[in-house]
Amino acid sequence: MDVLILVKLFGILLLIIGNAYFVGSEIALTSARRSRIHYLAEHGDSAAKILKSLHAEP
């Protein structure tokens, strides 16, 4: 195969992997239980506070 074709295929593969990462992150964010996030945020969990604000305004 030509080197240019391999570079293009590698670039496409990187884009697909990046897209899968962000889609997985979005699904994890939207499927998290709001009651559990609210509970953790009230008890001082800083990550839960950030997640709570992302739920409010995605």
N, C-alpha and C. Protein backbone atom coordinates (compact mmCIF):
# COMPACT_ATOMS: atom_id res chain seq x y z
N MET A 1 0.83 -1.19 0.00
CA MET A 1 0.00 0.00 0.00
C MET A 1 0.87 1.25 0.00
N ASP A 2 0.31 2.27 -0.49
CA ASP A 2 1.00 3.55 -0.52
C ASP A 2 1.03 4.14 0.89
N VAL A 3 2.08 4.85 1.21
CA VAL A 3 2.23 5.44 2.54
C VAL A 3 1.13 6.48 2.81
N LEU A 4 0.76 7.23 1.81
CA LEU A 4 -0.28 8.24 1.98
C LEU A 4 -1.62 7.62 2.38
N ILE A 5 -1.93 6.49 1.79
CA ILE A 5 -3.18 5.81 2.15
C ILE A 5 -3.13 5.34 3.59
N LEU A 6 -2.00 4.81 4.03
CA LEU A 6 -1.85 4.38 5.42
C LEU A 6 -1.99 5.54 6.39
N VAL A 7 -1.45 6.68 6.05
CA VAL A 7 -1.56 7.87 6.91
C VAL A 7 -3.01 8.31 7.00
N LYS A 8 -3.71 8.30 5.88
CA LYS A 8 -5.12 8.68 5.89
C LYS A 8 -5.95 7.71 6.71
N LEU A 9 -5.70 6.42 6.57
CA LEU A 9 -6.42 5.42 7.35
C LEU A 9 -6.15 5.58 8.84
N PHE A 10 -4.91 5.87 9.19
CA PHE A 10 -4.55 6.10 10.59
C PHE A 10 -5.27 7.35 11.13
N GLY A 11 -5.35 8.38 10.32
CA GLY A 11 -6.06 9.60 10.73
C GLY A 11 -7.54 9.34 10.94
N ILE A 12 -8.14 8.57 10.05
CA ILE A 12 -9.55 8.23 10.21
C ILE A 12 -9.76 7.41 11.47
N LEU A 13 -8.87 6.47 11.73
CA LEU A 13 -8.96 5.66 12.94
C LEU A 13 -8.85 6.52 14.20
N LEU A 14 -7.96 7.49 14.20
CA LEU A 14 -7.84 8.41 15.34
C LEU A 14 -9.12 9.22 15.55
N LEU A 15 -9.72 9.68 14.48
CA LEU A 15 -10.97 10.44 14.58
C LEU A 15 -12.10 9.57 15.13
N ILE A 16 -12.16 8.33 14.70
CA ILE A 16 -13.20 7.42 15.20
C ILE A 16 -13.00 7.15 16.69
N ILE A 17 -11.76 6.93 17.11
CA ILE A 17 -11.48 6.68 18.52
C ILE A 17 -11.81 7.92 19.36
N GLY A 18 -11.45 9.10 18.87
CA GLY A 18 -11.78 10.34 19.58
C GLY A 18 -13.27 10.53 19.70
N ASN A 19 -13.99 10.25 18.63
CA ASN A 19 -15.45 10.37 18.67
C ASN A 19 -16.05 9.39 19.68
N ALA A 20 -15.55 8.18 19.71
CA ALA A 20 -16.06 7.18 20.65
C ALA A 20 -15.81 7.62 22.09
N TYR A 21 -14.68 8.23 22.35
CA TYR A 21 -14.37 8.71 23.70
C TYR A 21 -15.38 9.78 24.14
N PHE A 22 -15.64 10.75 23.27
CA PHE A 22 -16.54 11.83 23.64
C PHE A 22 -17.99 11.37 23.73
N VAL A 23 -18.40 10.44 22.88
CA VAL A 23 -19.75 9.89 22.96
C VAL A 23 -19.92 9.11 24.26
N GLY A 24 -18.91 8.33 24.62
CA GLY A 24 -18.97 7.60 25.89
C GLY A 24 -19.03 8.52 27.08
N SER A 25 -18.28 9.61 27.03
CA SER A 25 -18.33 10.59 28.12
C SER A 25 -19.70 11.23 28.23
N GLU A 26 -20.29 11.55 27.09
CA GLU A 26 -21.62 12.17 27.10
C GLU A 26 -22.67 11.21 27.64
N ILE A 27 -22.60 9.96 27.26
CA ILE A 27 -23.56 8.97 27.76
C ILE A 27 -23.40 8.78 29.26
N ALA A 28 -22.17 8.73 29.72
CA ALA A 28 -21.93 8.58 31.16
C ALA A 28 -22.47 9.78 31.92
N LEU A 29 -22.30 10.96 31.37
CA LEU A 29 -22.78 12.17 32.02
C LEU A 29 -24.31 12.21 32.10
N THR A 30 -24.95 11.87 31.01
CA THR A 30 -26.42 11.97 30.98
C THR A 30 -27.11 10.82 31.70
N SER A 31 -26.44 9.69 31.86
CA SER A 31 -27.09 8.55 32.50
C SER A 31 -26.82 8.48 34.01
N ALA A 32 -26.01 9.37 34.52
CA ALA A 32 -25.73 9.37 35.96
C ALA A 32 -26.98 9.77 36.73
N ARG A 33 -27.18 9.14 37.88
CA ARG A 33 -28.37 9.44 38.68
C ARG A 33 -28.24 10.81 39.33
N ARG A 34 -29.21 11.66 39.08
CA ARG A 34 -29.19 13.02 39.61
C ARG A 34 -29.29 13.04 41.13
N SER A 35 -30.05 12.11 41.71
CA SER A 35 -30.18 12.09 43.17
C SER A 35 -28.84 11.78 43.84
N ARG A 36 -28.09 10.85 43.26
CA ARG A 36 -26.78 10.49 43.83
C ARG A 36 -25.80 11.65 43.66
N ILE A 37 -25.84 12.31 42.53
CA ILE A 37 -24.95 13.46 42.30
C ILE A 37 -25.28 14.57 43.28
N HIS A 38 -26.57 14.82 43.48
CA HIS A 38 -27.00 15.86 44.41
C HIS A 38 -26.53 15.53 45.82
N TYR A 39 -26.67 14.27 46.23
CA TYR A 39 -26.24 13.84 47.56
C TYR A 39 -24.73 14.03 47.74
N LEU A 40 -23.95 13.62 46.76
CA LEU A 40 -22.49 13.75 46.86
C LEU A 40 -22.06 15.21 46.85
N ALA A 41 -22.73 16.03 46.05
CA ALA A 41 -22.38 17.45 45.99
C ALA A 41 -22.66 18.14 47.32
N GLU A 42 -23.75 17.75 47.98
CA GLU A 42 -24.08 18.34 49.28
C GLU A 42 -23.07 17.93 50.36
N HIS A 43 -22.45 16.78 50.18
CA HIS A 43 -21.49 16.30 51.17
C HIS A 43 -20.04 16.64 50.81
N GLY A 44 -19.86 17.59 49.91
CA GLY A 44 -18.54 18.16 49.66
C GLY A 44 -17.72 17.53 48.55
N ASP A 45 -18.29 16.67 47.75
CA ASP A 45 -17.53 16.07 46.64
C ASP A 45 -17.41 17.09 45.51
N SER A 46 -16.18 17.53 45.22
CA SER A 46 -15.99 18.58 44.22
C SER A 46 -16.33 18.09 42.81
N ALA A 47 -16.03 16.84 42.51
CA ALA A 47 -16.37 16.30 41.18
C ALA A 47 -17.88 16.26 40.99
N ALA A 48 -18.60 15.94 42.04
CA ALA A 48 -20.06 15.91 41.96
C ALA A 48 -20.63 17.31 41.75
N LYS A 49 -19.98 18.31 42.34
CA LYS A 49 -20.44 19.70 42.13
C LYS A 49 -20.27 20.10 40.67
N ILE A 50 -19.15 19.71 40.07
CA ILE A 50 -18.92 20.01 38.66
C ILE A 50 -19.94 19.28 37.79
N LEU A 51 -20.16 18.01 38.13
CA LEU A 51 -21.13 17.21 37.37
C LEU A 51 -22.53 17.76 37.50
N LYS A 52 -22.87 18.25 38.67
CA LYS A 52 -24.19 18.85 38.89
C LYS A 52 -24.37 20.10 38.01
N SER A 53 -23.33 20.90 37.91
CA SER A 53 -23.43 22.09 37.07
C SER A 53 -23.50 21.70 35.58
N LEU A 54 -22.84 20.63 35.20
CA LEU A 54 -22.93 20.17 33.80
C LEU A 54 -24.32 19.62 33.50
N HIS A 55 -24.96 18.99 34.48
CA HIS A 55 -26.32 18.52 34.28
C HIS A 55 -27.27 19.69 34.10
N ALA A 56 -27.02 20.76 34.84
CA ALA A 56 -27.90 21.93 34.75
C ALA A 56 -27.79 22.63 33.40
N GLU A 57 -26.57 22.74 32.88
CA GLU A 57 -26.33 23.40 31.61
C GLU A 57 -25.33 22.59 30.78
N PRO A 58 -25.82 21.65 30.00
CA PRO A 58 -24.89 20.83 29.20
C PRO A 58 -24.34 21.66 28.12
